[in-house]
Amino acid sequence: MTNENSEVLERLFAVIESRKGADASSSYTAKLFDAGMAEISRKVGEEAVETITAALSDPKNVTAESADLLYHLLVLWAEAGIKPEDVWAELEKREGTSGIDEKNLRGS
């Protein structure tokens, strides 16, 4: 993966953040922000289910559904005040730790 490809989420996140307070009639992202966290969360769930459904029934659509899911997840992060680098730092913290050990650490 090239550096340019690895930064696509950060570039998309910047565009998403720029839509805060924009005209909801001209921007789907602004419309989501206007609708609030409950609607954004509902859309993330909807896109997650569509991704799972594609994986189980029509794997050729997983790429498109995954892109939709990531977009809506980035909108949720922006609404919650979370930056991509916050998530990357959390992933780096977990790197090299088994999933079982990591879950046990969270539970204590």
Protein backbone atom coordinates (compact mmCIF):
# COMPACT_ATOMS: atom_id res chain seq x y z
CA MET A 1 0.00 0.00 0.00
CA THR A 2 1.37 3.40 -0.90
CA ASN A 3 1.56 6.25 1.58
CA GLU A 4 -1.07 8.08 -0.47
CA ASN A 5 -3.48 5.16 -0.09
CA SER A 6 -2.80 4.85 3.62
CA GLU A 7 -3.79 8.50 4.13
CA VAL A 8 -7.12 8.33 2.31
CA LEU A 9 -9.08 8.03 5.56
CA GLU A 10 -7.41 11.14 6.98
CA ARG A 11 -8.22 13.10 3.82
CA LEU A 12 -11.83 11.89 3.89
CA PHE A 13 -12.06 12.75 7.59
CA ALA A 14 -10.89 16.32 6.84
CA VAL A 15 -13.63 16.69 4.22
CA ILE A 16 -16.20 15.27 6.63
CA GLU A 17 -15.17 17.71 9.37
CA SER A 18 -15.38 20.60 6.90
CA ARG A 19 -19.07 19.79 6.42
CA LYS A 20 -19.97 20.54 10.04
CA GLY A 21 -22.34 23.49 9.98
CA ALA A 22 -22.69 23.35 6.18
CA ASP A 23 -26.05 23.58 4.43
CA ALA A 24 -27.84 20.27 4.98
CA SER A 25 -29.77 20.71 1.75
CA SER A 26 -26.56 20.60 -0.28
CA SER A 27 -24.44 18.12 1.73
CA TYR A 28 -25.36 14.61 2.84
CA THR A 29 -22.66 14.79 5.50
CA ALA A 30 -24.04 18.07 6.85
CA LYS A 31 -27.49 16.45 6.89
CA LEU A 32 -26.11 13.62 9.03
CA PHE A 33 -24.51 16.11 11.45
CA ASP A 34 -27.81 18.00 11.69
CA ALA A 35 -29.63 14.74 12.47
CA GLY A 36 -27.29 14.06 15.40
CA MET A 37 -25.54 11.11 16.98
CA ALA A 38 -28.59 8.83 17.12
CA GLU A 39 -29.10 8.99 13.36
CA ILE A 40 -25.37 8.76 12.63
CA SER A 41 -25.15 5.68 14.85
CA ARG A 42 -28.17 4.14 13.15
CA LYS A 43 -26.50 4.64 9.77
CA VAL A 44 -23.27 3.00 11.01
CA GLY A 45 -25.32 0.01 12.16
CA GLU A 46 -27.20 -0.13 8.87
CA GLU A 47 -23.97 -0.08 6.88
CA ALA A 48 -22.41 -2.72 9.13
CA VAL A 49 -25.38 -5.02 8.52
CA GLU A 50 -25.16 -4.38 4.76
CA THR A 51 -21.45 -5.25 4.84
CA ILE A 52 -22.14 -8.48 6.70
CA THR A 53 -24.99 -9.34 4.34
CA ALA A 54 -22.72 -8.79 1.33
CA ALA A 55 -20.02 -10.98 2.87
CA LEU A 56 -22.50 -13.81 3.37
CA SER A 57 -24.45 -13.54 0.14
CA ASP A 58 -22.62 -11.47 -2.49
CA PRO A 59 -18.91 -11.05 -1.64
CA LYS A 60 -18.27 -8.91 -4.73
CA ASN A 61 -20.20 -6.10 -2.98
CA VAL A 62 -18.14 -6.20 0.23
CA THR A 63 -15.75 -3.53 -1.07
CA ALA A 64 -18.49 -0.98 -1.77
CA GLU A 65 -20.33 -1.75 1.47
CA SER A 66 -17.07 -1.49 3.43
CA ALA A 67 -16.44 1.94 1.93
CA ASP A 68 -19.94 3.05 3.00
CA LEU A 69 -19.32 1.67 6.50
CA LEU A 70 -15.97 3.44 6.84
CA TYR A 71 -17.45 6.75 5.65
CA HIS A 72 -20.27 6.59 8.19
CA LEU A 73 -17.85 5.53 10.94
CA LEU A 74 -15.72 8.60 10.17
CA VAL A 75 -18.83 10.79 10.46
CA LEU A 76 -19.51 9.19 13.85
CA TRP A 77 -15.91 9.86 14.94
CA ALA A 78 -16.21 13.51 13.88
CA GLU A 79 -19.50 13.91 15.75
CA ALA A 80 -17.95 12.32 18.85
CA GLY A 81 -14.81 14.48 18.68
CA ILE A 82 -12.56 11.51 17.88
CA LYS A 83 -9.72 11.96 15.40
CA PRO A 84 -8.37 9.13 13.25
CA GLU A 85 -5.02 9.45 15.02
CA ASP A 86 -6.81 8.62 18.31
CA VAL A 87 -7.95 5.32 16.83
CA TRP A 88 -4.53 4.64 15.26
CA ALA A 89 -2.90 5.23 18.66
CA GLU A 90 -5.31 2.78 20.29
CA LEU A 91 -4.53 0.18 17.64
CA GLU A 92 -0.79 0.73 18.14
CA LYS A 93 -1.26 0.23 21.89
CA ARG A 94 -2.87 -3.12 21.18
CA GLU A 95 -0.30 -4.20 18.59
CA GLY A 96 1.49 -7.38 19.59
CA THR A 97 -1.13 -8.24 22.23
CA SER A 98 -3.37 -11.22 21.65
CA GLY A 99 -7.05 -10.38 21.31
CA ILE A 100 -7.84 -12.57 24.30
CA ASP A 101 -5.25 -10.81 26.50
CA GLU A 102 -6.42 -7.39 25.32
CA LYS A 103 -10.06 -8.19 26.18
CA ASN A 104 -9.01 -9.50 29.60
CA LEU A 105 -7.09 -6.27 30.27
CA ARG A 106 -10.16 -4.20 29.38
CA GLY A 107 -12.31 -6.27 31.73
CA SER A 108 -10.14 -5.60 34.78
